[in-house]
Amino acid sequence: ADGDTMPGAAPAAIGPGERILVIDDERDVAESLAEILESLGHQPVITESARDGLARASREPFDRLFVDLRMPEMGGHEV
Protein backbone atom coordinates (compact mmCIF):
# COMPACT_ATOMS: atom_id res chain seq x y z
CA ALA A 1 0.00 0.00 0.00
CA ASP A 2 1.14 3.48 -0.70
CA GLY A 3 1.54 5.64 2.40
CA ASP A 4 1.76 8.82 0.33
CA THR A 5 -1.89 8.83 -0.74
CA MET A 6 -5.16 9.30 1.07
CA PRO A 7 -8.10 6.93 0.57
CA GLY A 8 -9.78 7.74 -2.73
CA ALA A 9 -6.78 9.68 -4.02
CA ALA A 10 -4.92 8.65 -7.16
CA PRO A 11 -1.70 6.74 -6.37
CA ALA A 12 1.64 8.40 -7.02
CA ALA A 13 3.36 7.57 -10.30
CA ILE A 14 5.55 4.49 -10.26
CA GLY A 15 9.22 5.46 -10.23
CA PRO A 16 11.94 3.54 -12.05
CA GLY A 17 13.40 0.41 -10.48
CA GLU A 18 10.71 -0.12 -7.86
CA ARG A 19 10.40 -3.45 -6.09
CA ILE A 20 6.81 -4.55 -6.65
CA LEU A 21 5.01 -7.47 -5.02
CA VAL A 22 2.43 -9.04 -7.35
CA ILE A 23 -0.19 -11.09 -5.50
CA ASP A 24 -2.45 -13.07 -7.84
CA ASP A 25 -3.76 -16.63 -7.69
CA GLU A 26 -3.75 -16.86 -11.49
CA ARG A 27 -0.12 -17.65 -12.32
CA ASP A 28 -0.42 -16.65 -16.00
CA VAL A 29 -1.79 -13.21 -15.10
CA ALA A 30 0.90 -12.66 -12.46
CA GLU A 31 3.69 -13.71 -14.84
CA SER A 32 2.37 -11.46 -17.62
CA LEU A 33 2.24 -8.48 -15.27
CA ALA A 34 5.73 -9.31 -13.98
CA GLU A 35 7.09 -9.39 -17.54
CA ILE A 36 5.62 -5.96 -18.24
CA LEU A 37 7.01 -4.57 -14.99
CA GLU A 38 10.47 -6.02 -15.74
CA SER A 39 10.42 -4.48 -19.23
CA LEU A 40 9.81 -1.12 -17.54
CA GLY A 41 12.85 -1.60 -15.29
CA HIS A 42 11.10 -2.75 -12.12
CA GLN A 43 11.81 -5.73 -9.87
CA PRO A 44 8.60 -7.75 -9.56
CA VAL A 45 8.17 -10.61 -7.09
CA ILE A 46 5.19 -12.98 -7.49
CA THR A 47 3.19 -14.77 -4.81
CA GLU A 48 0.08 -16.81 -5.57
CA SER A 49 -1.94 -16.25 -2.40
CA ALA A 50 -2.80 -13.32 -0.18
CA ARG A 51 -1.41 -15.07 2.89
CA ASP A 52 1.92 -15.77 1.16
CA GLY A 53 2.02 -12.18 -0.09
CA LEU A 54 1.38 -10.73 3.35
CA ALA A 55 4.05 -12.99 4.87
CA ARG A 56 6.55 -11.93 2.20
CA ALA A 57 5.71 -8.24 2.62
CA SER A 58 6.27 -8.52 6.36
CA ARG A 59 9.80 -9.91 5.78
CA GLU A 60 10.97 -7.84 2.80
CA PRO A 61 10.62 -4.21 1.71
CA PHE A 62 8.45 -3.43 -1.34
CA ASP A 63 7.67 -0.09 -2.93
CA ARG A 64 4.25 -1.21 -4.19
CA LEU A 65 1.80 -4.07 -4.09
CA PHE A 66 -0.32 -5.14 -7.08
CA VAL A 67 -3.08 -7.33 -5.64
CA ASP A 68 -5.86 -9.30 -7.33
CA LEU A 69 -9.17 -8.23 -5.80
CA ARG A 70 -10.80 -11.66 -6.11
CA MET A 71 -8.86 -14.57 -4.69
CA PRO A 72 -9.82 -17.60 -2.58
CA GLU A 73 -9.50 -17.22 1.20
CA MET A 74 -8.68 -13.50 1.15
CA GLY A 75 -9.16 -10.88 -1.57
CA GLY A 76 -7.28 -7.72 -2.39
CA HIS A 77 -9.54 -5.46 -0.30
CA GLU A 78 -8.72 -7.53 2.77
CA VAL A 79 -5.00 -7.44 2.02
PDB file of N, CA and C in Angstrom:
ATOM      1  N   ALA A   1       0.845  -1.171   0.000  1.00  0.00           N
ATOM      2  CA  ALA A   1       0.000   0.000   0.000  1.00  0.00           C
ATOM      3  C   ALA A   1       0.881   1.220   0.000  1.00  0.00           C
ATOM      4  N   ASP A   2       0.357   2.271  -0.521  1.00  0.00           N
ATOM      5  CA  ASP A   2       1.137   3.476  -0.696  1.00  0.00           C
ATOM      6  C   ASP A   2       0.817   4.460   0.415  1.00  0.00           C
ATOM      7  N   GLY A   3       1.754   4.744   1.290  1.00  0.00           N
ATOM      8  CA  GLY A   3       1.545   5.641   2.403  1.00  0.00           C
ATOM      9  C   GLY A   3       1.474   7.104   2.015  1.00  0.00           C
ATOM     10  N   ASP A   4       1.761   7.439   0.756  1.00  0.00           N
ATOM     11  CA  ASP A   4       1.756   8.823   0.325  1.00  0.00           C
ATOM     12  C   ASP A   4       0.409   9.285  -0.200  1.00  0.00           C
ATOM     13  N   THR A   5      -0.593   8.427  -0.228  1.00  0.00           N
ATOM     14  CA  THR A   5      -1.890   8.832  -0.742  1.00  0.00           C
ATOM     15  C   THR A   5      -2.963   8.640   0.315  1.00  0.00           C
ATOM     16  N   MET A   6      -4.014   9.414   0.186  1.00  0.00           N
ATOM     17  CA  MET A   6      -5.157   9.298   1.072  1.00  0.00           C
ATOM     18  C   MET A   6      -6.184   8.400   0.396  1.00  0.00           C
ATOM     19  N   PRO A   7      -7.063   7.765   1.179  1.00  0.00           N
ATOM     20  CA  PRO A   7      -8.096   6.932   0.565  1.00  0.00           C
ATOM     21  C   PRO A   7      -8.870   7.713  -0.496  1.00  0.00           C
ATOM     22  N   GLY A   8      -9.053   7.089  -1.653  1.00  0.00           N
ATOM     23  CA  GLY A   8      -9.777   7.742  -2.731  1.00  0.00           C
ATOM     24  C   GLY A   8      -8.908   8.593  -3.627  1.00  0.00           C
ATOM     25  N   ALA A   9      -7.679   8.871  -3.213  1.00  0.00           N
ATOM     26  CA  ALA A   9      -6.776   9.685  -4.023  1.00  0.00           C
ATOM     27  C   ALA A   9      -6.061   8.801  -5.033  1.00  0.00           C
ATOM     28  N   ALA A  10      -5.670   9.393  -6.142  1.00  0.00           N
ATOM     29  CA  ALA A  10      -4.916   8.648  -7.157  1.00  0.00           C
ATOM     30  C   ALA A  10      -3.533   8.310  -6.601  1.00  0.00           C
ATOM     31  N   PRO A  11      -3.033   7.094  -6.858  1.00  0.00           N
ATOM     32  CA  PRO A  11      -1.695   6.736  -6.373  1.00  0.00           C
ATOM     33  C   PRO A  11      -0.615   7.542  -7.086  1.00  0.00           C
ATOM     34  N   ALA A  12       0.508   7.694  -6.417  1.00  0.00           N
ATOM     35  CA  ALA A  12       1.644   8.398  -7.019  1.00  0.00           C
ATOM     36  C   ALA A  12       2.168   7.584  -8.191  1.00  0.00           C
ATOM     37  N   ALA A  13       2.781   8.248  -9.138  1.00  0.00           N
ATOM     38  CA  ALA A  13       3.356   7.568 -10.301  1.00  0.00           C
ATOM     39  C   ALA A  13       4.423   6.583  -9.848  1.00  0.00           C
ATOM     40  N   ILE A  14       4.547   5.503 -10.582  1.00  0.00           N
ATOM     41  CA  ILE A  14       5.553   4.495 -10.263  1.00  0.00           C
ATOM     42  C   ILE A  14       6.903   4.975 -10.764  1.00  0.00           C
ATOM     43  N   GLY A  15       7.875   5.025  -9.860  1.00  0.00           N
ATOM     44  CA  GLY A  15       9.220   5.456 -10.225  1.00  0.00           C
ATOM     45  C   GLY A  15      10.012   4.297 -10.800  1.00  0.00           C
ATOM     46  N   PRO A  16      11.118   4.593 -11.445  1.00  0.00           N
ATOM     47  CA  PRO A  16      11.937   3.542 -12.052  1.00  0.00           C
ATOM     48  C   PRO A  16      12.579   2.639 -10.997  1.00  0.00           C
ATOM     49  N   GLY A  17      12.678   1.359 -11.332  1.00  0.00           N
ATOM     50  CA  GLY A  17      13.395   0.412 -10.477  1.00  0.00           C
ATOM     51  C   GLY A  17      12.710   0.055  -9.179  1.00  0.00           C
ATOM     52  N   GLU A  18      11.399   0.213  -9.100  1.00  0.00           N
ATOM     53  CA  GLU A  18      10.708  -0.123  -7.862  1.00  0.00           C
ATOM     54  C   GLU A  18      10.592  -1.635  -7.694  1.00  0.00           C
ATOM     55  N   ARG A  19      10.632  -2.048  -6.439  1.00  0.00           N
ATOM     56  CA  ARG A  19      10.397  -3.445  -6.086  1.00  0.00           C
ATOM     57  C   ARG A  19       8.905  -3.601  -5.860  1.00  0.00           C
ATOM     58  N   ILE A  20       8.269  -4.452  -6.664  1.00  0.00           N
ATOM     59  CA  ILE A  20       6.809  -4.551  -6.650  1.00  0.00           C
ATOM     60  C   ILE A  20       6.383  -5.988  -6.377  1.00  0.00           C
ATOM     61  N   LEU A  21       5.552  -6.156  -5.347  1.00  0.00           N
ATOM     62  CA  LEU A  21       5.013  -7.467  -5.019  1.00  0.00           C
ATOM     63  C   LEU A  21       3.695  -7.645  -5.777  1.00  0.00           C
ATOM     64  N   VAL A  22       3.632  -8.702  -6.585  1.00  0.00           N
ATOM     65  CA  VAL A  22       2.430  -9.036  -7.352  1.00  0.00           C
ATOM     66  C   VAL A  22       1.772 -10.227  -6.667  1.00  0.00           C
ATOM     67  N   ILE A  23       0.538 -10.029  -6.172  1.00  0.00           N
ATOM     68  CA  ILE A  23      -0.192 -11.093  -5.496  1.00  0.00           C
ATOM     69  C   ILE A  23      -1.393 -11.444  -6.360  1.00  0.00           C
ATOM     70  N   ASP A  24      -1.364 -12.634  -6.960  1.00  0.00           N
ATOM     71  CA  ASP A  24      -2.451 -13.071  -7.841  1.00  0.00           C
ATOM     72  C   ASP A  24      -2.477 -14.592  -7.883  1.00  0.00           C
ATOM     73  N   ASP A  25      -3.648 -15.174  -7.677  1.00  0.00           N
ATOM     74  CA  ASP A  25      -3.762 -16.629  -7.685  1.00  0.00           C
ATOM     75  C   ASP A  25      -3.740 -17.214  -9.088  1.00  0.00           C
ATOM     76  N   GLU A  26      -3.840 -16.392 -10.104  1.00  0.00           N
ATOM     77  CA  GLU A  26      -3.754 -16.863 -11.489  1.00  0.00           C
ATOM     78  C   GLU A  26      -2.325 -16.637 -11.975  1.00  0.00           C
ATOM     79  N   ARG A  27      -1.558 -17.718 -12.007  1.00  0.00           N
ATOM     80  CA  ARG A  27      -0.124 -17.647 -12.323  1.00  0.00           C
ATOM     81  C   ARG A  27       0.157 -16.950 -13.658  1.00  0.00           C
ATOM     82  N   ASP A  28      -0.637 -17.254 -14.686  1.00  0.00           N
ATOM     83  CA  ASP A  28      -0.416 -16.645 -16.002  1.00  0.00           C
ATOM     84  C   ASP A  28      -0.564 -15.124 -15.948  1.00  0.00           C
ATOM     85  N   VAL A  29      -1.562 -14.655 -15.221  1.00  0.00           N
ATOM     86  CA  VAL A  29      -1.788 -13.214 -15.095  1.00  0.00           C
ATOM     87  C   VAL A  29      -0.616 -12.576 -14.360  1.00  0.00           C
ATOM     88  N   ALA A  30      -0.205 -13.189 -13.251  1.00  0.00           N
ATOM     89  CA  ALA A  30       0.900 -12.657 -12.461  1.00  0.00           C
ATOM     90  C   ALA A  30       2.193 -12.611 -13.276  1.00  0.00           C
ATOM     91  N   GLU A  31       2.462 -13.675 -14.034  1.00  0.00           N
ATOM     92  CA  GLU A  31       3.686 -13.709 -14.840  1.00  0.00           C
ATOM     93  C   GLU A  31       3.655 -12.675 -15.964  1.00  0.00           C
ATOM     94  N   SER A  32       2.493 -12.479 -16.576  1.00  0.00           N
ATOM     95  CA  SER A  32       2.374 -11.460 -17.623  1.00  0.00           C
ATOM     96  C   SER A  32       2.626 -10.071 -17.058  1.00  0.00           C
ATOM     97  N   LEU A  33       2.029  -9.780 -15.910  1.00  0.00           N
ATOM     98  CA  LEU A  33       2.244  -8.483 -15.270  1.00  0.00           C
ATOM     99  C   LEU A  33       3.712  -8.317 -14.883  1.00  0.00           C
ATOM    100  N   ALA A  34       4.320  -9.372 -14.356  1.00  0.00           N
ATOM    101  CA  ALA A  34       5.731  -9.314 -13.976  1.00  0.00           C
ATOM    102  C   ALA A  34       6.619  -9.023 -15.183  1.00  0.00           C
ATOM    103  N   GLU A  35       6.317  -9.646 -16.316  1.00  0.00           N
ATOM    104  CA  GLU A  35       7.092  -9.392 -17.536  1.00  0.00           C
ATOM    105  C   GLU A  35       6.997  -7.930 -17.956  1.00  0.00           C
ATOM    106  N   ILE A  36       5.803  -7.376 -17.892  1.00  0.00           N
ATOM    107  CA  ILE A  36       5.617  -5.961 -18.240  1.00  0.00           C
ATOM    108  C   ILE A  36       6.400  -5.077 -17.278  1.00  0.00           C
ATOM    109  N   LEU A  37       6.299  -5.370 -15.987  1.00  0.00           N
ATOM    110  CA  LEU A  37       7.015  -4.567 -14.992  1.00  0.00           C
ATOM    111  C   LEU A  37       8.523  -4.653 -15.189  1.00  0.00           C
ATOM    112  N   GLU A  38       9.028  -5.858 -15.478  1.00  0.00           N
ATOM    113  CA  GLU A  38      10.466  -6.023 -15.737  1.00  0.00           C
ATOM    114  C   GLU A  38      10.894  -5.221 -16.960  1.00  0.00           C
ATOM    115  N   SER A  39      10.067  -5.226 -18.008  1.00  0.00           N
ATOM    116  CA  SER A  39      10.419  -4.482 -19.227  1.00  0.00           C
ATOM    117  C   SER A  39      10.472  -2.984 -18.974  1.00  0.00           C
ATOM    118  N   LEU A  40       9.798  -2.538 -17.911  1.00  0.00           N
ATOM    119  CA  LEU A  40       9.812  -1.120 -17.536  1.00  0.00           C
ATOM    120  C   LEU A  40      10.904  -0.807 -16.512  1.00  0.00           C
ATOM    121  N   GLY A  41      11.720  -1.813 -16.199  1.00  0.00           N
ATOM    122  CA  GLY A  41      12.851  -1.596 -15.293  1.00  0.00           C
ATOM    123  C   GLY A  41      12.566  -1.844 -13.830  1.00  0.00           C
ATOM    124  N   HIS A  42      11.444  -2.481 -13.514  1.00  0.00           N
ATOM    125  CA  HIS A  42      11.103  -2.754 -12.122  1.00  0.00           C
ATOM    126  C   HIS A  42      11.544  -4.152 -11.715  1.00  0.00           C
ATOM    127  N   GLN A  43      11.416  -4.441 -10.427  1.00  0.00           N
ATOM    128  CA  GLN A  43      11.811  -5.728  -9.871  1.00  0.00           C
ATOM    129  C   GLN A  43      10.584  -6.416  -9.267  1.00  0.00           C
ATOM    130  N   PRO A  44       9.787  -7.102 -10.092  1.00  0.00           N
ATOM    131  CA  PRO A  44       8.597  -7.753  -9.558  1.00  0.00           C
ATOM    132  C   PRO A  44       8.911  -9.058  -8.833  1.00  0.00           C
ATOM    133  N   VAL A  45       8.109  -9.348  -7.830  1.00  0.00           N
ATOM    134  CA  VAL A  45       8.166 -10.606  -7.093  1.00  0.00           C
ATOM    135  C   VAL A  45       6.731 -11.125  -7.061  1.00  0.00           C
ATOM    136  N   ILE A  46       6.534 -12.397  -7.405  1.00  0.00           N
ATOM    137  CA  ILE A  46       5.192 -12.976  -7.489  1.00  0.00           C
ATOM    138  C   ILE A  46       4.923 -13.885  -6.296  1.00  0.00           C
ATOM    139  N   THR A  47       3.718 -13.767  -5.730  1.00  0.00           N
ATOM    140  CA  THR A  47       3.189 -14.767  -4.809  1.00  0.00           C
ATOM    141  C   THR A  47       1.792 -15.113  -5.300  1.00  0.00           C
ATOM    142  N   GLU A  48       1.343 -16.341  -5.023  1.00  0.00           N
ATOM    143  CA  GLU A  48       0.077 -16.807  -5.571  1.00  0.00           C
ATOM    144  C   GLU A  48      -1.060 -16.847  -4.561  1.00  0.00           C
ATOM    145  N   SER A  49      -0.842 -16.334  -3.367  1.00  0.00           N
ATOM    146  CA  SER A  49      -1.940 -16.246  -2.398  1.00  0.00           C
ATOM    147  C   SER A  49      -1.742 -14.998  -1.547  1.00  0.00           C
ATOM    148  N   ALA A  50      -2.859 -14.512  -1.027  1.00  0.00           N
ATOM    149  CA  ALA A  50      -2.801 -13.317  -0.184  1.00  0.00           C
ATOM    150  C   ALA A  50      -1.972 -13.587   1.068  1.00  0.00           C
ATOM    151  N   ARG A  51      -2.157 -14.753   1.663  1.00  0.00           N
ATOM    152  CA  ARG A  51      -1.406 -15.073   2.890  1.00  0.00           C
ATOM    153  C   ARG A  51       0.103 -15.123   2.624  1.00  0.00           C
ATOM    154  N   ASP A  52       0.502 -15.741   1.511  1.00  0.00           N
ATOM    155  CA  ASP A  52       1.921 -15.769   1.159  1.00  0.00           C
ATOM    156  C   ASP A  52       2.437 -14.360   0.885  1.00  0.00           C
ATOM    157  N   GLY A  53       1.625 -13.551   0.210  1.00  0.00           N
ATOM    158  CA  GLY A  53       2.020 -12.180  -0.090  1.00  0.00           C
ATOM    159  C   GLY A  53       2.198 -11.350   1.165  1.00  0.00           C
ATOM    160  N   LEU A  54       1.271 -11.476   2.095  1.00  0.00           N
ATOM    161  CA  LEU A  54       1.382 -10.730   3.355  1.00  0.00           C
ATOM    162  C   LEU A  54       2.610 -11.173   4.144  1.00  0.00           C
ATOM    163  N   ALA A  55       2.869 -12.481   4.158  1.00  0.00           N
ATOM    164  CA  ALA A  55       4.052 -12.986   4.869  1.00  0.00           C
ATOM    165  C   ALA A  55       5.321 -12.431   4.232  1.00  0.00           C
ATOM    166  N   ARG A  56       5.365 -12.437   2.906  1.00  0.00           N
ATOM    167  CA  ARG A  56       6.555 -11.935   2.196  1.00  0.00           C
ATOM    168  C   ARG A  56       6.739 -10.443   2.450  1.00  0.00           C
ATOM    169  N   ALA A  57       5.640  -9.686   2.407  1.00  0.00           N
ATOM    170  CA  ALA A  57       5.708  -8.239   2.623  1.00  0.00           C
ATOM    171  C   ALA A  57       6.128  -7.891   4.046  1.00  0.00           C
ATOM    172  N   SER A  58       5.862  -8.788   4.984  1.00  0.00           N
ATOM    173  CA  SER A  58       6.272  -8.522   6.365  1.00  0.00           C
ATOM    174  C   SER A  58       7.767  -8.782   6.574  1.00  0.00           C
ATOM    175  N   ARG A  59       8.378  -9.571   5.662  1.00  0.00           N
ATOM    176  CA  ARG A  59       9.803  -9.907   5.779  1.00  0.00           C
ATOM    177  C   ARG A  59      10.701  -9.054   4.895  1.00  0.00           C
ATOM    178  N   GLU A  60      10.152  -8.530   3.798  1.00  0.00           N
ATOM    179  CA  GLU A  60      10.966  -7.840   2.801  1.00  0.00           C
ATOM    180  C   GLU A  60      10.344  -6.490   2.450  1.00  0.00           C
ATOM    181  N   PRO A  61      11.173  -5.512   2.103  1.00  0.00           N
ATOM    182  CA  PRO A  61      10.623  -4.212   1.709  1.00  0.00           C
ATOM    183  C   PRO A  61      10.144  -4.213   0.247  1.00  0.00           C
ATOM    184  N   PHE A  62       8.984  -3.619   0.012  1.00  0.00           N
ATOM    185  CA  PHE A  62       8.451  -3.432  -1.335  1.00  0.00           C
ATOM    186  C   PHE A  62       7.995  -1.988  -1.471  1.00  0.00           C
ATOM    187  N   ASP A  63       8.138  -1.447  -2.670  1.00  0.00           N
ATOM    188  CA  ASP A  63       7.671  -0.093  -2.933  1.00  0.00           C
ATOM    189  C   ASP A  63       6.172  -0.055  -3.208  1.00  0.00           C
ATOM    190  N   ARG A  64       5.669  -1.129  -3.816  1.00  0.00           N
ATOM    191  CA  ARG A  64       4.254  -1.207  -4.193  1.00  0.00           C
ATOM    192  C   ARG A  64       3.774  -2.649  -4.113  1.00  0.00           C
ATOM    193  N   LEU A  65       2.448  -2.779  -3.999  1.00  0.00           N
ATOM    194  CA  LEU A  65       1.796  -4.075  -4.088  1.00  0.00           C
ATOM    195  C   LEU A  65       0.767  -3.992  -5.208  1.00  0.00           C
ATOM    196  N   PHE A  66       0.744  -4.980  -6.086  1.00  0.00           N
ATOM    197  CA  PHE A  66      -0.317  -5.143  -7.076  1.00  0.00           C
ATOM    198  C   PHE A  66      -1.063  -6.393  -6.631  1.00  0.00           C
ATOM    199  N   VAL A  67      -2.336  -6.238  -6.255  1.00  0.00           N
ATOM    200  CA  VAL A  67      -3.078  -7.333  -5.639  1.00  0.00           C
ATOM    201  C   VAL A  67      -4.380  -7.597  -6.397  1.00  0.00           C
ATOM    202  N   ASP A  68      -4.602  -8.865  -6.729  1.00  0.00           N
ATOM    203  CA  ASP A  68      -5.861  -9.300  -7.329  1.00  0.00           C
ATOM    204  C   ASP A  68      -6.965  -9.078  -6.300  1.00  0.00           C
ATOM    205  N   LEU A  69      -8.079  -8.498  -6.734  1.00  0.00           N
ATOM    206  CA  LEU A  69      -9.173  -8.234  -5.802  1.00  0.00           C
ATOM    207  C   LEU A  69      -9.956  -9.482  -5.438  1.00  0.00           C
ATOM    208  N   ARG A  70     -10.009 -10.449  -6.355  1.00  0.00           N
ATOM    209  CA  ARG A  70     -10.801 -11.656  -6.114  1.00  0.00           C
ATOM    210  C   ARG A  70      -9.887 -12.891  -6.084  1.00  0.00           C
ATOM    211  N   MET A  71      -9.652 -13.365  -4.871  1.00  0.00           N
ATOM    212  CA  MET A  71      -8.857 -14.575  -4.692  1.00  0.00           C
ATOM    213  C   MET A  71      -9.528 -15.434  -3.621  1.00  0.00           C
ATOM    214  N   PRO A  72      -9.282 -16.748  -3.644  1.00  0.00           N
ATOM    215  CA  PRO A  72      -9.823 -17.602  -2.584  1.00  0.00           C
ATOM    216  C   PRO A  72      -9.220 -17.208  -1.224  1.00  0.00           C
ATOM    217  N   GLU A  73      -9.916 -17.470  -0.187  1.00  0.00           N
ATOM    218  CA  GLU A  73      -9.504 -17.223   1.196  1.00  0.00           C
ATOM    219  C   GLU A  73      -9.497 -15.746   1.569  1.00  0.00           C
ATOM    220  N   MET A  74      -8.782 -14.906   0.807  1.00  0.00           N
ATOM    221  CA  MET A  74      -8.676 -13.496   1.150  1.00  0.00           C
ATOM    222  C   MET A  74      -8.458 -12.707  -0.152  1.00  0.00           C
ATOM    223  N   GLY A  75      -9.280 -11.690  -0.366  1.00  0.00           N
ATOM    224  CA  GLY A  75      -9.163 -10.882  -1.568  1.00  0.00           C
ATOM    225  C   GLY A  75      -8.315  -9.635  -1.356  1.00  0.00           C
ATOM    226  N   GLY A  76      -8.131  -8.907  -2.420  1.00  0.00           N
ATOM    227  CA  GLY A  76      -7.284  -7.723  -2.391  1.00  0.00           C
ATOM    228  C   GLY A  76      -7.731  -6.649  -1.422  1.00  0.00           C
ATOM    229  N   HIS A  77      -9.049  -6.469  -1.255  1.00  0.00           N
ATOM    230  CA  HIS A  77      -9.537  -5.464  -0.304  1.00  0.00           C
ATOM    231  C   HIS A  77      -9.122  -5.816   1.124  1.00  0.00           C
ATOM    232  N   GLU A  78      -9.118  -7.091   1.434  1.00  0.00           N
ATOM    233  CA  GLU A  78      -8.716  -7.530   2.771  1.00  0.00           C
ATOM    234  C   GLU A  78      -7.215  -7.380   2.982  1.00  0.00           C
ATOM    235  N   VAL A  79      -6.450  -7.583   1.919  1.00  0.00           N
ATOM    236  CA  VAL A  79      -5.000  -7.439   2.017  1.00  0.00           C
ATOM    237  C   VAL A  79      -4.682  -6.003   2.384  1.00  0.00           C
TER     238      VAL A  79
END
